[in-house]
Amino acid sequence: MARVKKTAAWTRKEGKSPSGGLNKKGVASYRRANPGSKLKMAVTGKVKKGSKSAKRRKSFCARMSGMKGPLKDSKGRPTRKALALRKWKCRINKKKK
């Protein structure tokens, strides 16, 4: 009987956090799949202004906020993008029409 090869946890539901981004299992599986990777967990706590963590958050928010795609799906639920921005405590500027 042939075994089915599973994909890495970071690509499946079990490696993703319901509140957005990856959980510890997802980050660990990403590091195993990509040797030399320096992927870290999200910056979710309070940080000092100008600290390394604050700069990392600012960089992530700038990159992720510029990504194309909706913040809500067709049923009105937040997308993975919206969840990640919320988890990282990014300010979301909604464009007015």
PDB file of N, CA and C in Angstrom:
ATOM      1  N   MET A   1       0.838  -1.188   0.000  1.00  0.00           N
ATOM      2  CA  MET A   1       0.000   0.000   0.000  1.00  0.00           C
ATOM      3  C   MET A   1       0.881   1.249   0.000  1.00  0.00           C
ATOM      4  N   ALA A   2       0.633   2.153  -0.921  1.00  0.00           N
ATOM      5  CA  ALA A   2       1.439   3.370  -1.040  1.00  0.00           C
ATOM      6  C   ALA A   2       0.958   4.424  -0.046  1.00  0.00           C
ATOM      7  N   ARG A   3       1.911   5.079   0.594  1.00  0.00           N
ATOM      8  CA  ARG A   3       1.570   6.156   1.534  1.00  0.00           C
ATOM      9  C   ARG A   3       1.485   7.469   0.780  1.00  0.00           C
ATOM     10  N   VAL A   4       0.544   8.275   1.156  1.00  0.00           N
ATOM     11  CA  VAL A   4       0.381   9.581   0.545  1.00  0.00           C
ATOM     12  C   VAL A   4       1.265  10.568   1.303  1.00  0.00           C
ATOM     13  N   LYS A   5       2.097  11.287   0.571  1.00  0.00           N
ATOM     14  CA  LYS A   5       2.998  12.256   1.191  1.00  0.00           C
ATOM     15  C   LYS A   5       2.206  13.512   1.552  1.00  0.00           C
ATOM     16  N   LYS A   6       2.305  13.900   2.821  1.00  0.00           N
ATOM     17  CA  LYS A   6       1.615  15.107   3.279  1.00  0.00           C
ATOM     18  C   LYS A   6       2.439  16.343   2.937  1.00  0.00           C
ATOM     19  N   THR A   7       1.761  17.437   2.692  1.00  0.00           N
ATOM     20  CA  THR A   7       2.460  18.696   2.460  1.00  0.00           C
ATOM     21  C   THR A   7       2.844  19.289   3.811  1.00  0.00           C
ATOM     22  N   ALA A   8       3.692  20.294   3.795  1.00  0.00           N
ATOM     23  CA  ALA A   8       4.161  20.930   5.027  1.00  0.00           C
ATOM     24  C   ALA A   8       2.992  21.554   5.793  1.00  0.00           C
ATOM     25  N   ALA A   9       3.093  21.568   7.125  1.00  0.00           N
ATOM     26  CA  ALA A   9       2.015  22.073   7.984  1.00  0.00           C
ATOM     27  C   ALA A   9       1.698  23.541   7.702  1.00  0.00           C
ATOM     28  N   TRP A  10       2.705  24.320   7.304  1.00  0.00           N
ATOM     29  CA  TRP A  10       2.455  25.756   7.098  1.00  0.00           C
ATOM     30  C   TRP A  10       1.561  26.009   5.888  1.00  0.00           C
ATOM     31  N   THR A  11       1.367  24.993   5.025  1.00  0.00           N
ATOM     32  CA  THR A  11       0.474  25.148   3.875  1.00  0.00           C
ATOM     33  C   THR A  11      -0.917  24.598   4.163  1.00  0.00           C
ATOM     34  N   ARG A  12      -1.066  23.914   5.310  1.00  0.00           N
ATOM     35  CA  ARG A  12      -2.357  23.323   5.675  1.00  0.00           C
ATOM     36  C   ARG A  12      -2.970  24.055   6.862  1.00  0.00           C
ATOM     37  N   LYS A  13      -4.236  23.768   7.110  1.00  0.00           N
ATOM     38  CA  LYS A  13      -4.977  24.409   8.190  1.00  0.00           C
ATOM     39  C   LYS A  13      -4.314  24.236   9.555  1.00  0.00           C
ATOM     40  N   GLU A  14      -3.729  23.048   9.809  1.00  0.00           N
ATOM     41  CA  GLU A  14      -3.149  22.784  11.129  1.00  0.00           C
ATOM     42  C   GLU A  14      -1.941  23.653  11.456  1.00  0.00           C
ATOM     43  N   GLY A  15      -1.310  24.273  10.444  1.00  0.00           N
ATOM     44  CA  GLY A  15      -0.172  25.145  10.679  1.00  0.00           C
ATOM     45  C   GLY A  15      -0.533  26.615  10.696  1.00  0.00           C
ATOM     46  N   LYS A  16      -1.813  26.903  10.453  1.00  0.00           N
ATOM     47  CA  LYS A  16      -2.268  28.300  10.407  1.00  0.00           C
ATOM     48  C   LYS A  16      -3.056  28.632  11.664  1.00  0.00           C
ATOM     49  N   SER A  17      -2.880  29.833  12.152  1.00  0.00           N
ATOM     50  CA  SER A  17      -3.592  30.287  13.333  1.00  0.00           C
ATOM     51  C   SER A  17      -4.963  30.814  12.918  1.00  0.00           C
ATOM     52  N   PRO A  18      -6.021  30.467  13.668  1.00  0.00           N
ATOM     53  CA  PRO A  18      -7.351  30.974  13.322  1.00  0.00           C
ATOM     54  C   PRO A  18      -7.437  32.498  13.405  1.00  0.00           C
ATOM     55  N   SER A  19      -6.531  33.107  14.192  1.00  0.00           N
ATOM     56  CA  SER A  19      -6.551  34.561  14.333  1.00  0.00           C
ATOM     57  C   SER A  19      -5.665  35.254  13.305  1.00  0.00           C
ATOM     58  N   GLY A  20      -5.107  34.491  12.364  1.00  0.00           N
ATOM     59  CA  GLY A  20      -4.281  35.062  11.304  1.00  0.00           C
ATOM     60  C   GLY A  20      -2.819  34.687  11.441  1.00  0.00           C
ATOM     61  N   GLY A  21      -2.152  34.492  10.318  1.00  0.00           N
ATOM     62  CA  GLY A  21      -0.741  34.132  10.329  1.00  0.00           C
ATOM     63  C   GLY A  21      -0.523  32.657  10.620  1.00  0.00           C
ATOM     64  N   LEU A  22       0.706  32.307  10.988  1.00  0.00           N
ATOM     65  CA  LEU A  22       1.059  30.920  11.285  1.00  0.00           C
ATOM     66  C   LEU A  22       1.169  30.712  12.787  1.00  0.00           C
ATOM     67  N   ASN A  23       0.885  29.490  13.229  1.00  0.00           N
ATOM     68  CA  ASN A  23       1.103  29.150  14.628  1.00  0.00           C
ATOM     69  C   ASN A  23       2.516  28.570  14.767  1.00  0.00           C
ATOM     70  N   LYS A  24       2.879  28.125  15.964  1.00  0.00           N
ATOM     71  CA  LYS A  24       4.235  27.616  16.196  1.00  0.00           C
ATOM     72  C   LYS A  24       4.541  26.419  15.305  1.00  0.00           C
ATOM     73  N   LYS A  25       3.566  25.542  15.145  1.00  0.00           N
ATOM     74  CA  LYS A  25       3.764  24.353  14.315  1.00  0.00           C
ATOM     75  C   LYS A  25       4.014  24.760  12.856  1.00  0.00           C
ATOM     76  N   GLY A  26       3.288  25.761  12.389  1.00  0.00           N
ATOM     77  CA  GLY A  26       3.448  26.248  11.019  1.00  0.00           C
ATOM     78  C   GLY A  26       4.813  26.878  10.792  1.00  0.00           C
ATOM     79  N   VAL A  27       5.269  27.673  11.751  1.00  0.00           N
ATOM     80  CA  VAL A  27       6.582  28.325  11.636  1.00  0.00           C
ATOM     81  C   VAL A  27       7.684  27.266  11.644  1.00  0.00           C
ATOM     82  N   ALA A  28       7.555  26.274  12.529  1.00  0.00           N
ATOM     83  CA  ALA A  28       8.563  25.209  12.612  1.00  0.00           C
ATOM     84  C   ALA A  28       8.620  24.415  11.310  1.00  0.00           C
ATOM     85  N   SER A  29       7.462  24.118  10.722  1.00  0.00           N
ATOM     86  CA  SER A  29       7.445  23.343   9.477  1.00  0.00           C
ATOM     87  C   SER A  29       8.004  24.170   8.322  1.00  0.00           C
ATOM     88  N   TYR A  30       7.782  25.490   8.334  1.00  0.00           N
ATOM     89  CA  TYR A  30       8.337  26.356   7.284  1.00  0.00           C
ATOM     90  C   TYR A  30       9.862  26.357   7.364  1.00  0.00           C
ATOM     91  N   ARG A  31      10.387  26.442   8.588  1.00  0.00           N
ATOM     92  CA  ARG A  31      11.849  26.447   8.778  1.00  0.00           C
ATOM     93  C   ARG A  31      12.470  25.134   8.312  1.00  0.00           C
ATOM     94  N   ARG A  32      11.779  23.999   8.573  1.00  0.00           N
ATOM     95  CA  ARG A  32      12.277  22.696   8.115  1.00  0.00           C
ATOM     96  C   ARG A  32      12.263  22.613   6.591  1.00  0.00           C
ATOM     97  N   ALA A  33      11.210  23.139   5.973  1.00  0.00           N
ATOM     98  CA  ALA A  33      11.071  23.075   4.515  1.00  0.00           C
ATOM     99  C   ALA A  33      12.016  24.040   3.806  1.00  0.00           C
ATOM    100  N   ASN A  34      12.426  25.103   4.494  1.00  0.00           N
ATOM    101  CA  ASN A  34      13.292  26.122   3.905  1.00  0.00           C
ATOM    102  C   ASN A  34      14.505  26.356   4.798  1.00  0.00           C
ATOM    103  N   PRO A  35      15.522  25.493   4.696  1.00  0.00           N
ATOM    104  CA  PRO A  35      16.709  25.646   5.555  1.00  0.00           C
ATOM    105  C   PRO A  35      17.361  27.017   5.366  1.00  0.00           C
ATOM    106  N   GLY A  36      17.800  27.591   6.461  1.00  0.00           N
ATOM    107  CA  GLY A  36      18.423  28.913   6.408  1.00  0.00           C
ATOM    108  C   GLY A  36      17.410  30.033   6.579  1.00  0.00           C
ATOM    109  N   SER A  37      16.134  29.678   6.661  1.00  0.00           N
ATOM    110  CA  SER A  37      15.078  30.676   6.818  1.00  0.00           C
ATOM    111  C   SER A  37      15.145  31.305   8.204  1.00  0.00           C
ATOM    112  N   LYS A  38      14.796  32.568   8.287  1.00  0.00           N
ATOM    113  CA  LYS A  38      14.784  33.265   9.563  1.00  0.00           C
ATOM    114  C   LYS A  38      13.372  33.719   9.910  1.00  0.00           C
ATOM    115  N   LEU A  39      12.382  32.944   9.475  1.00  0.00           N
ATOM    116  CA  LEU A  39      10.988  33.280   9.745  1.00  0.00           C
ATOM    117  C   LEU A  39      10.737  33.299  11.250  1.00  0.00           C
ATOM    118  N   LYS A  40      10.060  34.344  11.719  1.00  0.00           N
ATOM    119  CA  LYS A  40       9.753  34.495  13.136  1.00  0.00           C
ATOM    120  C   LYS A  40       8.246  34.613  13.308  1.00  0.00           C
ATOM    121  N   MET A  41       7.798  34.481  14.548  1.00  0.00           N
ATOM    122  CA  MET A  41       6.387  34.635  14.871  1.00  0.00           C
ATOM    123  C   MET A  41       6.003  36.118  14.735  1.00  0.00           C
ATOM    124  N   ALA A  42       4.711  36.376  14.691  1.00  0.00           N
ATOM    125  CA  ALA A  42       4.204  37.738  14.553  1.00  0.00           C
ATOM    126  C   ALA A  42       4.544  38.584  15.775  1.00  0.00           C
ATOM    127  N   VAL A  43       4.704  39.884  15.565  1.00  0.00           N
ATOM    128  CA  VAL A  43       4.926  40.834  16.654  1.00  0.00           C
ATOM    129  C   VAL A  43       3.536  41.269  17.107  1.00  0.00           C
ATOM    130  N   THR A  44       3.080  40.714  18.244  1.00  0.00           N
ATOM    131  CA  THR A  44       1.710  40.979  18.674  1.00  0.00           C
ATOM    132  C   THR A  44       1.617  41.783  19.961  1.00  0.00           C
ATOM    133  N   GLY A  45       2.696  41.830  20.720  1.00  0.00           N
ATOM    134  CA  GLY A  45       2.676  42.522  22.010  1.00  0.00           C
ATOM    135  C   GLY A  45       2.990  44.000  21.889  1.00  0.00           C
ATOM    136  N   LYS A  46       3.092  44.625  23.038  1.00  0.00           N
ATOM    137  CA  LYS A  46       3.441  46.042  23.092  1.00  0.00           C
ATOM    138  C   LYS A  46       4.947  46.172  22.873  1.00  0.00           C
ATOM    139  N   VAL A  47       5.359  47.113  22.046  1.00  0.00           N
ATOM    140  CA  VAL A  47       6.781  47.285  21.743  1.00  0.00           C
ATOM    141  C   VAL A  47       7.203  48.728  21.980  1.00  0.00           C
ATOM    142  N   LYS A  48       8.498  48.891  22.282  1.00  0.00           N
ATOM    143  CA  LYS A  48       9.051  50.235  22.456  1.00  0.00           C
ATOM    144  C   LYS A  48       9.202  50.885  21.097  1.00  0.00           C
ATOM    145  N   LYS A  49       8.904  52.152  21.015  1.00  0.00           N
ATOM    146  CA  LYS A  49       9.030  52.890  19.766  1.00  0.00           C
ATOM    147  C   LYS A  49      10.489  52.872  19.295  1.00  0.00           C
ATOM    148  N   GLY A  50      10.696  52.516  18.036  1.00  0.00           N
ATOM    149  CA  GLY A  50      12.042  52.496  17.474  1.00  0.00           C
ATOM    150  C   GLY A  50      12.820  51.217  17.732  1.00  0.00           C
ATOM    151  N   SER A  51      12.223  50.266  18.475  1.00  0.00           N
ATOM    152  CA  SER A  51      12.923  49.007  18.755  1.00  0.00           C
ATOM    153  C   SER A  51      12.926  48.122  17.503  1.00  0.00           C
ATOM    154  N   LYS A  52      13.710  47.046  17.562  1.00  0.00           N
ATOM    155  CA  LYS A  52      13.806  46.126  16.431  1.00  0.00           C
ATOM    156  C   LYS A  52      12.432  45.543  16.088  1.00  0.00           C
ATOM    157  N   SER A  53      11.680  45.171  17.127  1.00  0.00           N
ATOM    158  CA  SER A  53      10.345  44.603  16.922  1.00  0.00           C
ATOM    159  C   SER A  53       9.399  45.623  16.301  1.00  0.00           C
ATOM    160  N   ALA A  54       9.491  46.864  16.751  1.00  0.00           N
ATOM    161  CA  ALA A  54       8.625  47.917  16.216  1.00  0.00           C
ATOM    162  C   ALA A  54       8.927  48.157  14.739  1.00  0.00           C
ATOM    163  N   LYS A  55      10.206  48.115  14.388  1.00  0.00           N
ATOM    164  CA  LYS A  55      10.594  48.300  12.987  1.00  0.00           C
ATOM    165  C   LYS A  55      10.122  47.135  12.135  1.00  0.00           C
ATOM    166  N   ARG A  56      10.194  45.910  12.709  1.00  0.00           N
ATOM    167  CA  ARG A  56       9.731  44.730  11.998  1.00  0.00           C
ATOM    168  C   ARG A  56       8.230  44.801  11.750  1.00  0.00           C
ATOM    169  N   ARG A  57       7.486  45.257  12.768  1.00  0.00           N
ATOM    170  CA  ARG A  57       6.031  45.412  12.626  1.00  0.00           C
ATOM    171  C   ARG A  57       5.711  46.453  11.552  1.00  0.00           C
ATOM    172  N   LYS A  58       6.408  47.572  11.612  1.00  0.00           N
ATOM    173  CA  LYS A  58       6.164  48.653  10.653  1.00  0.00           C
ATOM    174  C   LYS A  58       6.426  48.177   9.230  1.00  0.00           C
ATOM    175  N   SER A  59       7.497  47.420   9.043  1.00  0.00           N
ATOM    176  CA  SER A  59       7.855  46.883   7.731  1.00  0.00           C
ATOM    177  C   SER A  59       6.792  45.904   7.233  1.00  0.00           C
ATOM    178  N   PHE A  60       6.363  44.996   8.123  1.00  0.00           N
ATOM    179  CA  PHE A  60       5.338  44.019   7.734  1.00  0.00           C
ATOM    180  C   PHE A  60       4.051  44.732   7.344  1.00  0.00           C
ATOM    181  N   CYS A  61       3.633  45.688   8.164  1.00  0.00           N
ATOM    182  CA  CYS A  61       2.384  46.406   7.903  1.00  0.00           C
ATOM    183  C   CYS A  61       2.444  47.161   6.580  1.00  0.00           C
ATOM    184  N   ALA A  62       3.579  47.765   6.285  1.00  0.00           N
ATOM    185  CA  ALA A  62       3.731  48.500   5.027  1.00  0.00           C
ATOM    186  C   ALA A  62       3.627  47.551   3.834  1.00  0.00           C
ATOM    187  N   ARG A  63       4.284  46.385   3.929  1.00  0.00           N
ATOM    188  CA  ARG A  63       4.250  45.410   2.829  1.00  0.00           C
ATOM    189  C   ARG A  63       2.870  44.788   2.680  1.00  0.00           C
ATOM    190  N   MET A  64       2.297  44.357   3.787  1.00  0.00           N
ATOM    191  CA  MET A  64       1.029  43.619   3.740  1.00  0.00           C
ATOM    192  C   MET A  64      -0.152  44.531   3.409  1.00  0.00           C
ATOM    193  N   SER A  65      -0.114  45.773   3.855  1.00  0.00           N
ATOM    194  CA  SER A  65      -1.202  46.708   3.564  1.00  0.00           C
ATOM    195  C   SER A  65      -1.258  47.029   2.077  1.00  0.00           C
ATOM    196  N   GLY A  66      -0.122  46.950   1.405  1.00  0.00           N
ATOM    197  CA  GLY A  66      -0.066  47.240  -0.026  1.00  0.00           C
ATOM    198  C   GLY A  66      -0.473  46.072  -0.905  1.00  0.00           C
ATOM    199  N   MET A  67      -0.706  44.905  -0.298  1.00  0.00           N
ATOM    200  CA  MET A  67      -1.099  43.724  -1.070  1.00  0.00           C
ATOM    201  C   MET A  67      -2.493  43.903  -1.650  1.00  0.00           C
ATOM    202  N   LYS A  68      -2.649  43.416  -2.865  1.00  0.00           N
ATOM    203  CA  LYS A  68      -3.966  43.476  -3.488  1.00  0.00           C
ATOM    204  C   LYS A  68      -4.854  42.416  -2.873  1.00  0.00           C
ATOM    205  N   GLY A  69      -6.137  42.645  -2.935  1.00  0.00           N
ATOM    206  CA  GLY A  69      -7.081  41.654  -2.439  1.00  0.00           C
ATOM    207  C   GLY A  69      -8.014  42.250  -1.407  1.00  0.00           C
ATOM    208  N   PRO A  70      -9.178  41.648  -1.260  1.00  0.00           N
ATOM    209  CA  PRO A  70     -10.185  42.170  -0.335  1.00  0.00           C
ATOM    210  C   PRO A  70      -9.857  41.858   1.114  1.00  0.00           C
ATOM    211  N   LEU A  71     -10.495  42.589   2.016  1.00  0.00           N
ATOM    212  CA  LEU A  71     -10.355  42.342   3.444  1.00  0.00           C
ATOM    213  C   LEU A  71     -11.496  41.463   3.945  1.00  0.00           C
ATOM    214  N   LYS A  72     -12.534  41.295   3.107  1.00  0.00           N
ATOM    215  CA  LYS A  72     -13.664  40.426   3.448  1.00  0.00           C
ATOM    216  C   LYS A  72     -13.989  39.544   2.263  1.00  0.00           C
ATOM    217  N   ASP A  73     -14.451  38.312   2.569  1.00  0.00           N
ATOM    218  CA  ASP A  73     -14.850  37.413   1.486  1.00  0.00           C
ATOM    219  C   ASP A  73     -16.306  37.670   1.106  1.00  0.00           C
ATOM    220  N   SER A  74     -16.846  36.843   0.223  1.00  0.00           N
ATOM    221  CA  SER A  74     -18.208  37.058  -0.279  1.00  0.00           C
ATOM    222  C   SER A  74     -19.275  36.927   0.800  1.00  0.00           C
ATOM    223  N   LYS A  75     -18.959  36.229   1.892  1.00  0.00           N
ATOM    224  CA  LYS A  75     -19.918  36.065   2.989  1.00  0.00           C
ATOM    225  C   LYS A  75     -19.714  37.093   4.097  1.00  0.00           C
ATOM    226  N   GLY A  76     -18.779  38.025   3.901  1.00  0.00           N
ATOM    227  CA  GLY A  76     -18.531  39.077   4.883  1.00  0.00           C
ATOM    228  C   GLY A  76     -17.540  38.702   5.974  1.00  0.00           C
ATOM    229  N   ARG A  77     -16.925  37.532   5.867  1.00  0.00           N
ATOM    230  CA  ARG A  77     -15.926  37.106   6.845  1.00  0.00           C
ATOM    231  C   ARG A  77     -14.574  37.716   6.486  1.00  0.00           C
ATOM    232  N   PRO A  78     -13.745  38.009   7.490  1.00  0.00           N
ATOM    233  CA  PRO A  78     -12.418  38.570   7.190  1.00  0.00           C
ATOM    234  C   PRO A  78     -11.539  37.547   6.471  1.00  0.00           C
ATOM    235  N   THR A  79     -10.745  38.006   5.510  1.00  0.00           N
ATOM    236  CA  THR A  79      -9.832  37.130   4.778  1.00  0.00           C
ATOM    237  C   THR A  79      -8.579  36.909   5.621  1.00  0.00           C
ATOM    238  N   ARG A  80      -7.699  36.004   5.178  1.00  0.00           N
ATOM    239  CA  ARG A  80      -6.444  35.743   5.892  1.00  0.00           C
ATOM    240  C   ARG A  80      -5.611  37.021   5.964  1.00  0.00           C
ATOM    241  N   LYS A  81      -5.692  37.836   4.911  1.00  0.00           N
ATOM    242  CA  LYS A  81      -4.964  39.109   4.880  1.00  0.00           C
ATOM    243  C   LYS A  81      -5.448  40.020   6.013  1.00  0.00           C
ATOM    244  N   ALA A  82      -6.771  40.162   6.144  1.00  0.00           N
ATOM    245  CA  ALA A  82      -7.344  41.017   7.181  1.00  0.00           C
ATOM    246  C   ALA A  82      -6.994  40.503   8.571  1.00  0.00           C
ATOM    247  N   LEU A  83      -7.036  39.171   8.747  1.00  0.00           N
ATOM    248  CA  LEU A  83      -6.701  38.583  10.044  1.00  0.00           C
ATOM    249  C   LEU A  83      -5.242  38.849  10.416  1.00  0.00           C
ATOM    250  N   ALA A  84      -4.342  38.717   9.430  1.00  0.00           N
ATOM    251  CA  ALA A  84      -2.918  38.956   9.688  1.00  0.00           C
ATOM    252  C   ALA A  84      -2.679  40.419  10.059  1.00  0.00           C
ATOM    253  N   LEU A  85      -3.304  41.335   9.330  1.00  0.00           N
ATOM    254  CA  LEU A  85      -3.137  42.765   9.628  1.00  0.00           C
ATOM    255  C   LEU A  85      -3.649  43.083  11.032  1.00  0.00           C
ATOM    256  N   ARG A  86      -4.750  42.474  11.421  1.00  0.00           N
ATOM    257  CA  ARG A  86      -5.308  42.700  12.753  1.00  0.00           C
ATOM    258  C   ARG A  86      -4.389  42.126  13.828  1.00  0.00           C
ATOM    259  N   LYS A  87      -3.848  40.925  13.577  1.00  0.00           N
ATOM    260  CA  LYS A  87      -2.977  40.285  14.554  1.00  0.00           C
ATOM    261  C   LYS A  87      -1.706  41.103  14.788  1.00  0.00           C
ATOM    262  N   TRP A  88      -1.151  41.654  13.720  1.00  0.00           N
ATOM    263  CA  TRP A  88       0.073  42.460  13.818  1.00  0.00           C
ATOM    264  C   TRP A  88      -0.224  43.880  14.300  1.00  0.00           C
ATOM    265  N   LYS A  89      -1.497  44.193  14.527  1.00  0.00           N
ATOM    266  CA  LYS A  89      -1.939  45.522  14.977  1.00  0.00           C
ATOM    267  C   LYS A  89      -1.567  46.618  13.977  1.00  0.00           C
ATOM    268  N   CYS A  90      -1.846  46.340  12.711  1.00  0.00           N
ATOM    269  CA  CYS A  90      -1.596  47.312  11.649  1.00  0.00           C
ATOM    270  C   CYS A  90      -2.837  48.195  11.521  1.00  0.00           C
ATOM    271  N   ARG A  91      -2.602  49.456  11.252  1.00  0.00           N
ATOM    272  CA  ARG A  91      -3.724  50.365  10.987  1.00  0.00           C
ATOM    273  C   ARG A  91      -4.155  50.158   9.556  1.00  0.00           C
ATOM    274  N   ILE A  92      -5.411  49.857   9.356  1.00  0.00           N
ATOM    275  CA  ILE A  92      -5.923  49.620   8.000  1.00  0.00           C
ATOM    276  C   ILE A  92      -6.640  50.888   7.521  1.00  0.00           C
ATOM    277  N   ASN A  93      -6.072  51.485   6.486  1.00  0.00           N
ATOM    278  CA  ASN A  93      -6.697  52.664   5.905  1.00  0.00           C
ATOM    279  C   ASN A  93      -7.604  52.228   4.776  1.00  0.00           C
ATOM    280  N   LYS A  94      -8.898  52.398   4.978  1.00  0.00           N
ATOM    281  CA  LYS A  94      -9.852  52.026   3.943  1.00  0.00           C
ATOM    282  C   LYS A  94      -9.991  53.178   2.972  1.00  0.00           C
ATOM    283  N   LYS A  95      -9.911  52.845   1.680  1.00  0.00           N
ATOM    284  CA  LYS A  95     -10.055  53.876   0.646  1.00  0.00           C
ATOM    285  C   LYS A  95     -11.511  54.246   0.483  1.00  0.00           C
ATOM    286  N   LYS A  96     -11.766  55.528   0.396  1.00  0.00           N
ATOM    287  CA  LYS A  96     -13.133  56.001   0.177  1.00  0.00           C
ATOM    288  C   LYS A  96     -13.415  56.077  -1.305  1.00  0.00           C
ATOM    289  N   LYS A  97     -14.611  55.666  -1.683  1.00  0.00           N
ATOM    290  CA  LYS A  97     -15.005  55.675  -3.096  1.00  0.00           C
ATOM    291  C   LYS A  97     -15.701  56.961  -3.466  1.00  0.00           C
TER     292      LYS A  97
END
